[in-house]
């Protein structure tokens, strides 16, 4: 009698799952390298927009500084992140026009085309570094 070699049998569904979830072996970077990239990115954003940040701090009141942060600055669009959604409408209606006019005067080399107010966290604090 001939002995049959026993090979595992897999269904087509099982083989598709393996194919879809198989990942190539790759080495990932160290967490420290990733943290350094994030830090470098934030410092680069801060240094490129320091004049804008200082002008916003000069223009707005303490409530705005506590409630808002400088988000992204892309081309001529400035994004202000508002911490709490209840404050979003108030900040937008109160500060949009005065802030745009002030930034146009205080930062003449920049073209401020649009200021958007969005709910969110992150960004750069508008409170002074000393206090």
Protein backbone atom coordinates (compact mmCIF):
# COMPACT_ATOMS: atom_id res chain seq x y z
CA UNK A 1 0.00 0.00 0.00
CA UNK A 2 1.21 3.44 -0.93
CA UNK A 3 1.28 6.03 1.81
CA UNK A 4 -0.27 9.36 0.89
CA UNK A 5 1.66 12.44 1.87
CA UNK A 6 -0.56 14.55 3.99
CA UNK A 7 -0.65 18.20 2.97
CA UNK A 8 -2.77 20.75 4.76
CA UNK A 9 -5.72 21.90 2.74
CA UNK A 10 -6.75 25.51 2.92
CA UNK A 11 -9.93 27.00 1.61
CA UNK A 12 -9.83 29.78 -0.95
CA UNK A 13 -11.16 32.16 1.70
CA UNK A 14 -8.33 31.28 4.09
CA UNK A 15 -5.72 31.78 1.36
CA UNK A 16 -7.22 35.17 0.42
CA UNK A 17 -7.08 36.26 4.08
CA UNK A 18 -3.41 35.27 4.33
CA UNK A 19 -2.63 37.09 1.10
CA UNK A 20 -4.43 40.27 2.20
CA UNK A 21 -2.91 40.35 5.69
CA UNK A 22 0.61 39.33 4.90
CA UNK A 23 3.06 42.12 5.43
CA UNK A 24 6.54 42.39 4.01
CA UNK A 25 9.32 42.27 6.51
CA UNK A 26 10.59 45.74 7.08
CA UNK A 27 12.46 47.44 9.78
CA UNK A 28 10.70 50.24 11.54
CA UNK A 29 12.48 53.29 12.83
CA UNK A 30 13.09 53.95 16.46
CA UNK A 31 10.50 55.90 18.43
CA UNK A 32 13.14 58.50 19.22
CA UNK A 33 13.66 59.16 15.50
CA UNK A 34 9.92 59.63 14.99
CA UNK A 35 9.71 61.99 17.98
CA UNK A 36 12.64 64.00 16.59
CA UNK A 37 10.89 64.34 13.21
CA UNK A 38 7.73 65.64 14.90
CA UNK A 39 9.72 68.08 17.02
CA UNK A 40 11.68 69.32 13.99
CA UNK A 41 8.43 69.80 12.08
CA UNK A 42 6.88 71.84 14.91
CA UNK A 43 10.01 73.98 15.32
CA UNK A 44 10.15 74.59 11.58
CA UNK A 45 6.48 75.64 11.55
CA UNK A 46 7.08 77.94 14.53
CA UNK A 47 10.16 79.62 13.05
CA UNK A 48 8.48 80.16 9.64
CA UNK A 49 5.43 81.74 11.26
CA UNK A 50 6.94 83.59 14.22
CA UNK A 51 6.04 87.02 12.81
CA UNK A 52 2.44 85.93 12.32
CA UNK A 53 2.29 84.38 15.79
CA UNK A 54 3.59 87.57 17.43
CA UNK A 55 1.14 89.73 15.48
CA UNK A 56 -1.81 87.57 16.52
CA UNK A 57 -0.70 87.71 20.16
CA UNK A 58 -0.55 91.51 19.99
CA UNK A 59 -3.97 91.87 18.37
CA UNK A 60 -6.20 89.57 20.43
CA UNK A 61 -7.40 89.57 24.03
CA UNK A 62 -6.77 87.06 26.83
CA UNK A 63 -9.97 85.11 26.14
CA UNK A 64 -8.89 84.54 22.54
CA UNK A 65 -5.38 83.49 23.63
CA UNK A 66 -6.80 80.96 26.11
CA UNK A 67 -9.45 79.60 23.71
CA UNK A 68 -7.55 79.47 20.42
CA UNK A 69 -4.34 78.17 18.89
CA UNK A 70 -2.57 78.86 15.60
CA UNK A 71 -3.23 75.92 13.29
CA UNK A 72 -1.82 75.51 9.83
CA UNK A 73 -0.60 78.34 7.62
CA UNK A 74 -0.82 77.35 3.96
CA UNK A 75 -0.05 79.98 1.38
CA UNK A 76 -2.31 82.89 2.19
CA UNK A 77 -4.70 80.92 4.46
CA UNK A 78 -4.35 81.08 8.23
CA UNK A 79 -6.17 78.50 10.34
CA UNK A 80 -7.19 79.28 13.92
CA UNK A 81 -8.10 76.28 16.06
CA UNK A 82 -10.77 76.91 18.71
CA UNK A 83 -10.64 74.61 21.75
CA UNK A 84 -14.36 74.40 22.44
CA UNK A 85 -17.11 74.17 19.82
CA UNK A 86 -19.35 76.53 21.83
CA UNK A 87 -16.78 79.31 21.36
CA UNK A 88 -16.32 78.80 17.63
CA UNK A 89 -19.13 81.06 16.40
CA UNK A 90 -18.28 83.80 18.91
CA UNK A 91 -14.59 83.80 18.02
CA UNK A 92 -15.29 83.77 14.28
CA UNK A 93 -17.81 86.62 14.35
CA UNK A 94 -15.88 88.74 16.83
CA UNK A 95 -12.34 88.32 15.53
CA UNK A 96 -12.37 87.44 11.83
CA UNK A 97 -12.34 90.94 10.36
CA UNK A 98 -10.27 92.77 13.04
CA UNK A 99 -7.65 90.00 13.00
CA UNK A 100 -7.41 89.96 9.20
CA UNK A 101 -7.03 93.75 9.03
CA UNK A 102 -4.41 93.78 11.80
CA UNK A 103 -2.38 90.98 10.23
CA UNK A 104 -2.39 92.75 6.86
CA UNK A 105 -0.91 95.86 8.54
CA UNK A 106 1.47 94.05 10.92
CA UNK A 107 2.81 91.53 8.38
CA UNK A 108 3.07 93.50 5.12
CA UNK A 109 5.25 90.86 3.43
CA UNK A 110 2.46 88.29 3.82
CA UNK A 111 -0.73 88.17 1.83
CA UNK A 112 -3.52 87.19 4.19
CA UNK A 113 -6.24 85.92 1.91
CA UNK A 114 -8.36 83.96 4.32
CA UNK A 115 -8.63 83.25 8.03
CA UNK A 116 -10.58 80.14 8.96
CA UNK A 117 -11.77 79.23 12.42
CA UNK A 118 -12.15 75.51 13.11
CA UNK A 119 -12.80 73.47 16.20
CA UNK A 120 -9.72 71.50 17.18
CA UNK A 121 -6.71 71.06 19.38
CA UNK A 122 -3.04 71.02 18.54
CA UNK A 123 -1.33 73.86 16.79
CA UNK A 124 0.73 76.51 18.55
CA UNK A 125 -0.37 78.19 21.72
CA UNK A 126 -1.17 81.88 21.50
CA UNK A 127 -0.50 82.49 25.18
CA UNK A 128 2.81 84.19 25.80
CA UNK A 129 5.70 81.85 26.50
CA UNK A 130 6.51 83.73 29.74
CA UNK A 131 3.09 83.30 31.28
